[in-house]
All heavy atoms as atom14 arrays in JSON, in Angstrom:
{
  "sequence": "GNGFFHVQAGGADRYTRDGRFTTNPEGQLVTQEGALVLDDGGGPLT",
  "atom14_mask": [
    [1, 1, 1, 1, 0, 0, 0, 0, 0, 0, 0, 0, 0, 0],
    [1, 1, 1, 1, 1, 1, 1, 1, 0, 0, 0, 0, 0, 0],
    [1, 1, 1, 1, 0, 0, 0, 0, 0, 0, 0, 0, 0, 0],
    [1, 1, 1, 1, 1, 1, 1, 1, 1, 1, 1, 0, 0, 0],
    [1, 1, 1, 1, 1, 1, 1, 1, 1, 1, 1, 0, 0, 0],
    [1, 1, 1, 1, 1, 1, 1, 1, 1, 1, 0, 0, 0, 0],
    [1, 1, 1, 1, 1, 1, 1, 0, 0, 0, 0, 0, 0, 0],
    [1, 1, 1, 1, 1, 1, 1, 1, 1, 0, 0, 0, 0, 0],
    [1, 1, 1, 1, 1, 0, 0, 0, 0, 0, 0, 0, 0, 0],
    [1, 1, 1, 1, 0, 0, 0, 0, 0, 0, 0, 0, 0, 0],
    [1, 1, 1, 1, 0, 0, 0, 0, 0, 0, 0, 0, 0, 0],
    [1, 1, 1, 1, 1, 0, 0, 0, 0, 0, 0, 0, 0, 0],
    [1, 1, 1, 1, 1, 1, 1, 1, 0, 0, 0, 0, 0, 0],
    [1, 1, 1, 1, 1, 1, 1, 1, 1, 1, 1, 0, 0, 0],
    [1, 1, 1, 1, 1, 1, 1, 1, 1, 1, 1, 1, 0, 0],
    [1, 1, 1, 1, 1, 1, 1, 0, 0, 0, 0, 0, 0, 0],
    [1, 1, 1, 1, 1, 1, 1, 1, 1, 1, 1, 0, 0, 0],
    [1, 1, 1, 1, 1, 1, 1, 1, 0, 0, 0, 0, 0, 0],
    [1, 1, 1, 1, 0, 0, 0, 0, 0, 0, 0, 0, 0, 0],
    [1, 1, 1, 1, 1, 1, 1, 1, 1, 1, 1, 0, 0, 0],
    [1, 1, 1, 1, 1, 1, 1, 1, 1, 1, 1, 0, 0, 0],
    [1, 1, 1, 1, 1, 1, 1, 0, 0, 0, 0, 0, 0, 0],
    [1, 1, 1, 1, 1, 1, 1, 0, 0, 0, 0, 0, 0, 0],
    [1, 1, 1, 1, 1, 1, 1, 1, 0, 0, 0, 0, 0, 0],
    [1, 1, 1, 1, 1, 1, 1, 0, 0, 0, 0, 0, 0, 0],
    [1, 1, 1, 1, 1, 1, 1, 1, 1, 0, 0, 0, 0, 0],
    [1, 1, 1, 1, 0, 0, 0, 0, 0, 0, 0, 0, 0, 0],
    [1, 1, 1, 1, 1, 1, 1, 1, 1, 0, 0, 0, 0, 0],
    [1, 1, 1, 1, 1, 1, 1, 1, 0, 0, 0, 0, 0, 0],
    [1, 1, 1, 1, 1, 1, 1, 0, 0, 0, 0, 0, 0, 0],
    [1, 1, 1, 1, 1, 1, 1, 0, 0, 0, 0, 0, 0, 0],
    [1, 1, 1, 1, 1, 1, 1, 1, 1, 0, 0, 0, 0, 0],
    [1, 1, 1, 1, 1, 1, 1, 1, 1, 0, 0, 0, 0, 0],
    [1, 1, 1, 1, 0, 0, 0, 0, 0, 0, 0, 0, 0, 0],
    [1, 1, 1, 1, 1, 0, 0, 0, 0, 0, 0, 0, 0, 0],
    [1, 1, 1, 1, 1, 1, 1, 1, 0, 0, 0, 0, 0, 0],
    [1, 1, 1, 1, 1, 1, 1, 0, 0, 0, 0, 0, 0, 0],
    [1, 1, 1, 1, 1, 1, 1, 1, 0, 0, 0, 0, 0, 0],
    [1, 1, 1, 1, 1, 1, 1, 1, 0, 0, 0, 0, 0, 0],
    [1, 1, 1, 1, 1, 1, 1, 1, 0, 0, 0, 0, 0, 0],
    [1, 1, 1, 1, 0, 0, 0, 0, 0, 0, 0, 0, 0, 0],
    [1, 1, 1, 1, 0, 0, 0, 0, 0, 0, 0, 0, 0, 0],
    [1, 1, 1, 1, 0, 0, 0, 0, 0, 0, 0, 0, 0, 0],
    [1, 1, 1, 1, 1, 1, 1, 0, 0, 0, 0, 0, 0, 0],
    [1, 1, 1, 1, 1, 1, 1, 1, 0, 0, 0, 0, 0, 0],
    [1, 1, 1, 1, 1, 1, 1, 0, 0, 0, 0, 0, 0, 0]
  ],
  "atom14_positions": [
    [[8.63, 12.69, 16.15], [7.74, 11.58, 16.47], [7.67, 10.57, 15.33], [8.38, 10.65, 14.34], [0.0, 0.0, 0.0], [0.0, 0.0, 0.0], [0.0, 0.0, 0.0], [0.0, 0.0, 0.0], [0.0, 0.0, 0.0], [0.0, 0.0, 0.0], [0.0, 0.0, 0.0], [0.0, 0.0, 0.0], [0.0, 0.0, 0.0], [0.0, 0.0, 0.0]],
    [[6.77, 9.64, 15.5], [6.61, 8.54, 14.55], [5.68, 8.96, 13.41], [4.47, 9.06, 13.6], [6.06, 7.3, 15.27], [5.89, 6.13, 14.34], [6.41, 6.12, 13.22], [5.16, 5.13, 14.79], [0.0, 0.0, 0.0], [0.0, 0.0, 0.0], [0.0, 0.0, 0.0], [0.0, 0.0, 0.0], [0.0, 0.0, 0.0], [0.0, 0.0, 0.0]],
    [[6.24, 9.2, 12.25], [5.41, 9.6, 11.12], [6.24, 9.84, 9.87], [7.47, 9.92, 9.92], [0.0, 0.0, 0.0], [0.0, 0.0, 0.0], [0.0, 0.0, 0.0], [0.0, 0.0, 0.0], [0.0, 0.0, 0.0], [0.0, 0.0, 0.0], [0.0, 0.0, 0.0], [0.0, 0.0, 0.0], [0.0, 0.0, 0.0], [0.0, 0.0, 0.0]],
    [[5.55, 9.93, 8.73], [6.19, 10.15, 7.44], [5.36, 11.16, 6.64], [4.14, 11.2, 6.75], [6.27, 8.85, 6.62], [7.13, 7.78, 7.24], [6.61, 6.93, 8.21], [8.45, 7.62, 6.85], [7.39, 5.94, 8.77], [9.24, 6.63, 7.42], [8.71, 5.79, 8.37], [0.0, 0.0, 0.0], [0.0, 0.0, 0.0], [0.0, 0.0, 0.0]],
    [[6.05, 11.95, 5.84], [5.34, 12.8, 4.88], [4.83, 11.9, 3.75], [5.56, 11.03, 3.26], [6.27, 13.86, 4.29], [6.76, 14.88, 5.29], [8.09, 14.91, 5.67], [5.88, 15.8, 5.86], [8.55, 15.85, 6.58], [6.33, 16.74, 6.78], [7.67, 16.76, 7.14], [0.0, 0.0, 0.0], [0.0, 0.0, 0.0], [0.0, 0.0, 0.0]],
    [[3.59, 12.12, 3.35], [3.0, 11.35, 2.26], [3.25, 12.09, 0.94], [2.86, 13.25, 0.81], [1.49, 11.2, 2.5], [0.81, 10.28, 1.53], [-0.55, 10.1, 1.51], [1.3, 9.5, 0.53], [-0.87, 9.24, 0.57], [0.24, 8.87, -0.04], [0.0, 0.0, 0.0], [0.0, 0.0, 0.0], [0.0, 0.0, 0.0], [0.0, 0.0, 0.0]],
    [[3.91, 11.45, 0.01], [4.22, 12.08, -1.28], [3.78, 11.15, -2.4], [3.47, 9.98, -2.19], [5.73, 12.4, -1.41], [6.2, 13.3, -0.26], [6.57, 11.14, -1.46], [0.0, 0.0, 0.0], [0.0, 0.0, 0.0], [0.0, 0.0, 0.0], [0.0, 0.0, 0.0], [0.0, 0.0, 0.0], [0.0, 0.0, 0.0], [0.0, 0.0, 0.0]],
    [[3.78, 11.71, -3.59], [3.42, 10.93, -4.78], [4.55, 11.04, -5.8], [4.85, 12.13, -6.29], [2.11, 11.43, -5.38], [1.53, 10.54, -6.46], [0.19, 11.03, -6.94], [0.11, 12.07, -7.61], [-0.88, 10.34, -6.59], [0.0, 0.0, 0.0], [0.0, 0.0, 0.0], [0.0, 0.0, 0.0], [0.0, 0.0, 0.0], [0.0, 0.0, 0.0]],
    [[5.17, 9.9, -6.09], [6.29, 9.86, -7.03], [5.94, 8.93, -8.18], [5.7, 7.74, -7.97], [7.56, 9.38, -6.34], [0.0, 0.0, 0.0], [0.0, 0.0, 0.0], [0.0, 0.0, 0.0], [0.0, 0.0, 0.0], [0.0, 0.0, 0.0], [0.0, 0.0, 0.0], [0.0, 0.0, 0.0], [0.0, 0.0, 0.0], [0.0, 0.0, 0.0]],
    [[5.9, 9.48, -9.39], [5.55, 8.66, -10.55], [4.16, 8.07, -10.46], [3.91, 6.97, -10.97], [0.0, 0.0, 0.0], [0.0, 0.0, 0.0], [0.0, 0.0, 0.0], [0.0, 0.0, 0.0], [0.0, 0.0, 0.0], [0.0, 0.0, 0.0], [0.0, 0.0, 0.0], [0.0, 0.0, 0.0], [0.0, 0.0, 0.0], [0.0, 0.0, 0.0]],
    [[3.25, 8.77, -9.81], [1.88, 8.29, -9.67], [1.68, 7.28, -8.56], [0.57, 6.79, -8.37], [0.0, 0.0, 0.0], [0.0, 0.0, 0.0], [0.0, 0.0, 0.0], [0.0, 0.0, 0.0], [0.0, 0.0, 0.0], [0.0, 0.0, 0.0], [0.0, 0.0, 0.0], [0.0, 0.0, 0.0], [0.0, 0.0, 0.0], [0.0, 0.0, 0.0]],
    [[2.74, 6.95, -7.82], [2.63, 5.96, -6.74], [2.81, 6.63, -5.38], [3.54, 7.61, -5.25], [3.69, 4.87, -6.93], [0.0, 0.0, 0.0], [0.0, 0.0, 0.0], [0.0, 0.0, 0.0], [0.0, 0.0, 0.0], [0.0, 0.0, 0.0], [0.0, 0.0, 0.0], [0.0, 0.0, 0.0], [0.0, 0.0, 0.0], [0.0, 0.0, 0.0]],
    [[2.14, 6.08, -4.38], [2.26, 6.59, -3.01], [3.61, 6.22, -2.43], [4.01, 5.04, -2.46], [1.16, 6.02, -2.13], [-0.21, 6.57, -2.47], [-0.28, 7.72, -2.9], [-1.21, 5.84, -2.32], [0.0, 0.0, 0.0], [0.0, 0.0, 0.0], [0.0, 0.0, 0.0], [0.0, 0.0, 0.0], [0.0, 0.0, 0.0], [0.0, 0.0, 0.0]],
    [[4.3, 7.21, -1.92], [5.58, 6.99, -1.27], [5.62, 7.83, 0.0], [4.77, 8.71, 0.21], [6.74, 7.37, -2.19], [6.87, 6.45, -3.42], [7.26, 5.05, -3.02], [7.43, 4.17, -4.15], [6.5, 3.35, -4.61], [5.3, 3.33, -4.03], [6.74, 2.55, -5.63], [0.0, 0.0, 0.0], [0.0, 0.0, 0.0], [0.0, 0.0, 0.0]],
    [[6.62, 7.57, 0.85], [6.69, 8.21, 2.17], [8.14, 8.58, 2.47], [9.07, 7.9, 2.02], [6.12, 7.25, 3.23], [4.76, 6.73, 2.85], [4.64, 5.54, 2.13], [3.61, 7.44, 3.14], [3.4, 5.07, 1.73], [2.37, 6.98, 2.74], [2.27, 5.79, 2.03], [1.04, 5.35, 1.62], [0.0, 0.0, 0.0], [0.0, 0.0, 0.0]],
    [[8.32, 9.67, 3.2], [9.68, 10.13, 3.47], [9.76, 10.89, 4.78], [8.75, 11.45, 5.26], [10.19, 11.03, 2.32], [11.55, 11.36, 2.53], [9.38, 12.32, 2.23], [0.0, 0.0, 0.0], [0.0, 0.0, 0.0], [0.0, 0.0, 0.0], [0.0, 0.0, 0.0], [0.0, 0.0, 0.0], [0.0, 0.0, 0.0], [0.0, 0.0, 0.0]],
    [[10.97, 10.92, 5.35], [11.26, 11.77, 6.5], [12.1, 12.97, 6.06], [12.42, 13.84, 6.86], [12.06, 10.98, 7.56], [11.34, 9.79, 8.17], [10.43, 10.14, 9.29], [11.12, 10.73, 10.44], [10.55, 10.92, 11.63], [9.29, 10.55, 11.83], [11.21, 11.46, 12.63], [0.0, 0.0, 0.0], [0.0, 0.0, 0.0], [0.0, 0.0, 0.0]],
    [[12.44, 13.02, 4.79], [13.26, 14.09, 4.24], [12.36, 15.28, 3.91], [11.59, 15.25, 2.95], [13.97, 13.59, 2.98], [14.95, 14.61, 2.41], [14.93, 15.77, 2.87], [15.73, 14.25, 1.51], [0.0, 0.0, 0.0], [0.0, 0.0, 0.0], [0.0, 0.0, 0.0], [0.0, 0.0, 0.0], [0.0, 0.0, 0.0], [0.0, 0.0, 0.0]],
    [[12.46, 16.33, 4.72], [11.57, 17.48, 4.55], [12.16, 18.65, 3.81], [11.74, 19.8, 4.0], [0.0, 0.0, 0.0], [0.0, 0.0, 0.0], [0.0, 0.0, 0.0], [0.0, 0.0, 0.0], [0.0, 0.0, 0.0], [0.0, 0.0, 0.0], [0.0, 0.0, 0.0], [0.0, 0.0, 0.0], [0.0, 0.0, 0.0], [0.0, 0.0, 0.0]],
    [[13.13, 18.41, 2.93], [13.71, 19.49, 2.12], [12.81, 19.77, 0.93], [13.09, 19.39, -0.2], [15.11, 19.12, 1.65], [16.14, 18.96, 2.76], [17.45, 18.44, 2.2], [17.29, 17.1, 1.63], [18.2, 16.47, 0.9], [19.34, 17.07, 0.63], [17.97, 15.25, 0.43], [0.0, 0.0, 0.0], [0.0, 0.0, 0.0], [0.0, 0.0, 0.0]],
    [[11.7, 20.48, 1.17], [10.72, 20.72, 0.12], [10.97, 22.05, -0.59], [11.65, 22.95, -0.09], [9.31, 20.69, 0.7], [8.96, 19.37, 1.35], [8.16, 19.34, 2.49], [9.43, 18.18, 0.85], [7.83, 18.14, 3.1], [9.11, 16.96, 1.44], [8.3, 16.95, 2.57], [0.0, 0.0, 0.0], [0.0, 0.0, 0.0], [0.0, 0.0, 0.0]],
    [[10.36, 22.14, -1.75], [10.42, 23.37, -2.55], [9.14, 23.43, -3.38], [8.24, 22.61, -3.18], [11.68, 23.38, -3.45], [11.75, 24.65, -4.13], [11.65, 22.25, -4.47], [0.0, 0.0, 0.0], [0.0, 0.0, 0.0], [0.0, 0.0, 0.0], [0.0, 0.0, 0.0], [0.0, 0.0, 0.0], [0.0, 0.0, 0.0], [0.0, 0.0, 0.0]],
    [[9.03, 24.39, -4.27], [7.85, 24.46, -5.14], [8.27, 24.3, -6.6], [9.36, 24.74, -6.99], [7.11, 25.79, -4.96], [8.02, 26.89, -5.16], [6.52, 25.9, -3.56], [0.0, 0.0, 0.0], [0.0, 0.0, 0.0], [0.0, 0.0, 0.0], [0.0, 0.0, 0.0], [0.0, 0.0, 0.0], [0.0, 0.0, 0.0], [0.0, 0.0, 0.0]],
    [[7.41, 23.67, -7.39], [7.67, 23.52, -8.83], [7.09, 24.73, -9.57], [6.5, 25.62, -8.96], [7.11, 22.2, -9.34], [5.59, 22.1, -9.18], [4.9, 23.1, -8.95], [5.05, 20.89, -9.29], [0.0, 0.0, 0.0], [0.0, 0.0, 0.0], [0.0, 0.0, 0.0], [0.0, 0.0, 0.0], [0.0, 0.0, 0.0], [0.0, 0.0, 0.0]],
    [[7.25, 24.81, -10.89], [6.74, 25.97, -11.63], [5.24, 26.21, -11.47], [4.76, 27.34, -11.65], [7.08, 25.62, -13.08], [8.31, 24.76, -12.98], [8.07, 23.94, -11.75], [0.0, 0.0, 0.0], [0.0, 0.0, 0.0], [0.0, 0.0, 0.0], [0.0, 0.0, 0.0], [0.0, 0.0, 0.0], [0.0, 0.0, 0.0], [0.0, 0.0, 0.0]],
    [[4.49, 25.15, -11.11], [3.04, 25.31, -10.91], [2.71, 25.75, -9.49], [1.53, 25.91, -9.15], [2.32, 23.99, -11.22], [2.3, 23.59, -12.7], [3.65, 23.09, -13.17], [4.35, 22.42, -12.37], [4.01, 23.38, -14.32], [0.0, 0.0, 0.0], [0.0, 0.0, 0.0], [0.0, 0.0, 0.0], [0.0, 0.0, 0.0], [0.0, 0.0, 0.0]],
    [[3.72, 25.92, -8.66], [3.5, 26.34, -7.29], [3.2, 25.2, -6.34], [2.91, 25.42, -5.16], [0.0, 0.0, 0.0], [0.0, 0.0, 0.0], [0.0, 0.0, 0.0], [0.0, 0.0, 0.0], [0.0, 0.0, 0.0], [0.0, 0.0, 0.0], [0.0, 0.0, 0.0], [0.0, 0.0, 0.0], [0.0, 0.0, 0.0], [0.0, 0.0, 0.0]],
    [[3.3, 23.95, -6.82], [3.01, 22.8, -5.98], [4.22, 22.46, -5.11], [5.36, 22.53, -5.56], [2.63, 21.59, -6.85], [1.36, 21.81, -7.65], [1.16, 20.73, -8.7], [2.13, 20.29, -9.34], [-0.07, 20.31, -8.88], [0.0, 0.0, 0.0], [0.0, 0.0, 0.0], [0.0, 0.0, 0.0], [0.0, 0.0, 0.0], [0.0, 0.0, 0.0]],
    [[3.95, 22.06, -3.89], [5.01, 21.68, -2.96], [5.55, 20.31, -3.38], [4.78, 19.36, -3.55], [4.47, 21.63, -1.54], [5.49, 21.67, -0.39], [6.26, 22.98, -0.41], [4.79, 21.48, 0.96], [0.0, 0.0, 0.0], [0.0, 0.0, 0.0], [0.0, 0.0, 0.0], [0.0, 0.0, 0.0], [0.0, 0.0, 0.0], [0.0, 0.0, 0.0]],
    [[6.87, 20.23, -3.57], [7.49, 19.0, -4.05], [8.77, 18.7, -3.27], [9.33, 19.56, -2.6], [7.83, 19.08, -5.56], [6.56, 19.2, -6.39], [8.78, 20.24, -5.85], [0.0, 0.0, 0.0], [0.0, 0.0, 0.0], [0.0, 0.0, 0.0], [0.0, 0.0, 0.0], [0.0, 0.0, 0.0], [0.0, 0.0, 0.0], [0.0, 0.0, 0.0]],
    [[9.24, 17.44, -3.39], [10.51, 17.04, -2.8], [11.65, 17.51, -3.7], [11.42, 18.06, -4.78], [10.59, 15.51, -2.65], [10.62, 14.92, -3.96], [9.4, 14.97, -1.88], [0.0, 0.0, 0.0], [0.0, 0.0, 0.0], [0.0, 0.0, 0.0], [0.0, 0.0, 0.0], [0.0, 0.0, 0.0], [0.0, 0.0, 0.0], [0.0, 0.0, 0.0]],
    [[12.89, 17.28, -3.28], [14.04, 17.66, -4.08], [14.05, 16.96, -5.43], [14.58, 17.49, -6.41], [15.33, 17.3, -3.32], [15.56, 18.08, -2.05], [15.96, 19.53, -2.33], [16.89, 19.79, -3.09], [15.27, 20.47, -1.71], [0.0, 0.0, 0.0], [0.0, 0.0, 0.0], [0.0, 0.0, 0.0], [0.0, 0.0, 0.0], [0.0, 0.0, 0.0]],
    [[13.45, 15.77, -5.51], [13.42, 15.01, -6.76], [12.14, 15.25, -7.55], [11.92, 14.63, -8.59], [13.57, 13.51, -6.48], [14.95, 13.11, -5.99], [15.21, 13.55, -4.56], [14.23, 13.65, -3.78], [16.38, 13.82, -4.21], [0.0, 0.0, 0.0], [0.0, 0.0, 0.0], [0.0, 0.0, 0.0], [0.0, 0.0, 0.0], [0.0, 0.0, 0.0]],
    [[11.25, 16.12, -7.07], [10.05, 16.48, -7.81], [8.8, 15.71, -7.45], [7.76, 15.89, -8.11], [0.0, 0.0, 0.0], [0.0, 0.0, 0.0], [0.0, 0.0, 0.0], [0.0, 0.0, 0.0], [0.0, 0.0, 0.0], [0.0, 0.0, 0.0], [0.0, 0.0, 0.0], [0.0, 0.0, 0.0], [0.0, 0.0, 0.0], [0.0, 0.0, 0.0]],
    [[8.84, 14.86, -6.43], [7.63, 14.14, -6.0], [6.67, 15.11, -5.31], [7.09, 15.97, -4.54], [8.0, 13.0, -5.04], [0.0, 0.0, 0.0], [0.0, 0.0, 0.0], [0.0, 0.0, 0.0], [0.0, 0.0, 0.0], [0.0, 0.0, 0.0], [0.0, 0.0, 0.0], [0.0, 0.0, 0.0], [0.0, 0.0, 0.0], [0.0, 0.0, 0.0]],
    [[5.38, 14.99, -5.62], [4.38, 15.88, -5.05], [4.17, 15.6, -3.57], [3.99, 14.45, -3.17], [3.05, 15.71, -5.79], [2.99, 16.21, -7.23], [1.65, 15.81, -7.86], [3.16, 17.72, -7.29], [0.0, 0.0, 0.0], [0.0, 0.0, 0.0], [0.0, 0.0, 0.0], [0.0, 0.0, 0.0], [0.0, 0.0, 0.0], [0.0, 0.0, 0.0]],
    [[4.18, 16.64, -2.76], [3.87, 16.51, -1.33], [2.35, 16.64, -1.19], [1.75, 17.62, -1.66], [4.58, 17.6, -0.51], [4.23, 17.45, 0.97], [6.08, 17.53, -0.71], [0.0, 0.0, 0.0], [0.0, 0.0, 0.0], [0.0, 0.0, 0.0], [0.0, 0.0, 0.0], [0.0, 0.0, 0.0], [0.0, 0.0, 0.0], [0.0, 0.0, 0.0]],
    [[1.73, 15.63, -0.56], [0.27, 15.58, -0.51], [-0.3, 16.15, 0.79], [0.37, 16.16, 1.82], [-0.19, 14.13, -0.67], [0.29, 13.41, -1.94], [-0.28, 12.0, -1.99], [-0.07, 14.19, -3.2], [0.0, 0.0, 0.0], [0.0, 0.0, 0.0], [0.0, 0.0, 0.0], [0.0, 0.0, 0.0], [0.0, 0.0, 0.0], [0.0, 0.0, 0.0]],
    [[-1.56, 16.61, 0.69], [-2.26, 17.07, 1.88], [-3.06, 15.91, 2.46], [-3.05, 14.79, 1.94], [-3.15, 18.27, 1.58], [-4.26, 17.96, 0.57], [-4.53, 16.76, 0.32], [-4.84, 18.9, 0.02], [0.0, 0.0, 0.0], [0.0, 0.0, 0.0], [0.0, 0.0, 0.0], [0.0, 0.0, 0.0], [0.0, 0.0, 0.0], [0.0, 0.0, 0.0]],
    [[-3.77, 16.17, 3.56], [-4.49, 15.08, 4.23], [-5.7, 14.59, 3.44], [-6.34, 13.61, 3.82], [-4.9, 15.49, 5.64], [-5.71, 16.78, 5.66], [-6.01, 17.34, 4.58], [-6.04, 17.24, 6.78], [0.0, 0.0, 0.0], [0.0, 0.0, 0.0], [0.0, 0.0, 0.0], [0.0, 0.0, 0.0], [0.0, 0.0, 0.0], [0.0, 0.0, 0.0]],
    [[-5.99, 15.27, 2.33], [-7.07, 14.82, 1.46], [-6.56, 14.03, 0.27], [-7.34, 13.57, -0.57], [0.0, 0.0, 0.0], [0.0, 0.0, 0.0], [0.0, 0.0, 0.0], [0.0, 0.0, 0.0], [0.0, 0.0, 0.0], [0.0, 0.0, 0.0], [0.0, 0.0, 0.0], [0.0, 0.0, 0.0], [0.0, 0.0, 0.0], [0.0, 0.0, 0.0]],
    [[-5.23, 13.89, 0.17], [-4.65, 13.13, -0.92], [-4.31, 13.94, -2.16], [-3.9, 13.38, -3.18], [0.0, 0.0, 0.0], [0.0, 0.0, 0.0], [0.0, 0.0, 0.0], [0.0, 0.0, 0.0], [0.0, 0.0, 0.0], [0.0, 0.0, 0.0], [0.0, 0.0, 0.0], [0.0, 0.0, 0.0], [0.0, 0.0, 0.0], [0.0, 0.0, 0.0]],
    [[-4.46, 15.25, -2.1], [-4.16, 16.11, -3.24], [-2.89, 16.91, -3.01], [-2.36, 16.97, -1.89], [0.0, 0.0, 0.0], [0.0, 0.0, 0.0], [0.0, 0.0, 0.0], [0.0, 0.0, 0.0], [0.0, 0.0, 0.0], [0.0, 0.0, 0.0], [0.0, 0.0, 0.0], [0.0, 0.0, 0.0], [0.0, 0.0, 0.0], [0.0, 0.0, 0.0]],
    [[-2.37, 17.53, -4.06], [-1.15, 18.33, -3.92], [-1.41, 19.65, -3.19], [-2.53, 20.15, -3.18], [-0.73, 18.59, -5.37], [-2.01, 18.52, -6.15], [-2.85, 17.49, -5.45], [0.0, 0.0, 0.0], [0.0, 0.0, 0.0], [0.0, 0.0, 0.0], [0.0, 0.0, 0.0], [0.0, 0.0, 0.0], [0.0, 0.0, 0.0], [0.0, 0.0, 0.0]],
    [[-0.38, 20.18, -2.57], [-0.46, 21.48, -1.89], [0.1, 22.54, -2.83], [1.24, 22.44, -3.27], [0.33, 21.45, -0.59], [-0.32, 20.72, 0.58], [0.71, 20.34, 1.62], [-1.4, 21.6, 1.21], [0.0, 0.0, 0.0], [0.0, 0.0, 0.0], [0.0, 0.0, 0.0], [0.0, 0.0, 0.0], [0.0, 0.0, 0.0], [0.0, 0.0, 0.0]],
    [[-0.69, 23.54, -3.14], [-0.27, 24.59, -4.07], [-0.08, 25.91, -3.32], [-0.98, 26.37, -2.6], [-1.3, 24.78, -5.19], [-1.48, 23.53, -5.87], [-0.82, 25.82, -6.19], [0.0, 0.0, 0.0], [0.0, 0.0, 0.0], [0.0, 0.0, 0.0], [0.0, 0.0, 0.0], [0.0, 0.0, 0.0], [0.0, 0.0, 0.0], [0.0, 0.0, 0.0]]
  ]
}
């Protein structure tokens, strides 16, 4: 459907359809390039 994942890259809001996510050493869900994947409250998912 029509939508984008909300992520944070370099402190800025960005959006993507690329769902190849993983976790960083802190357990946060991130993109392949390390951008934080955000929840509906605007915070990272751990």
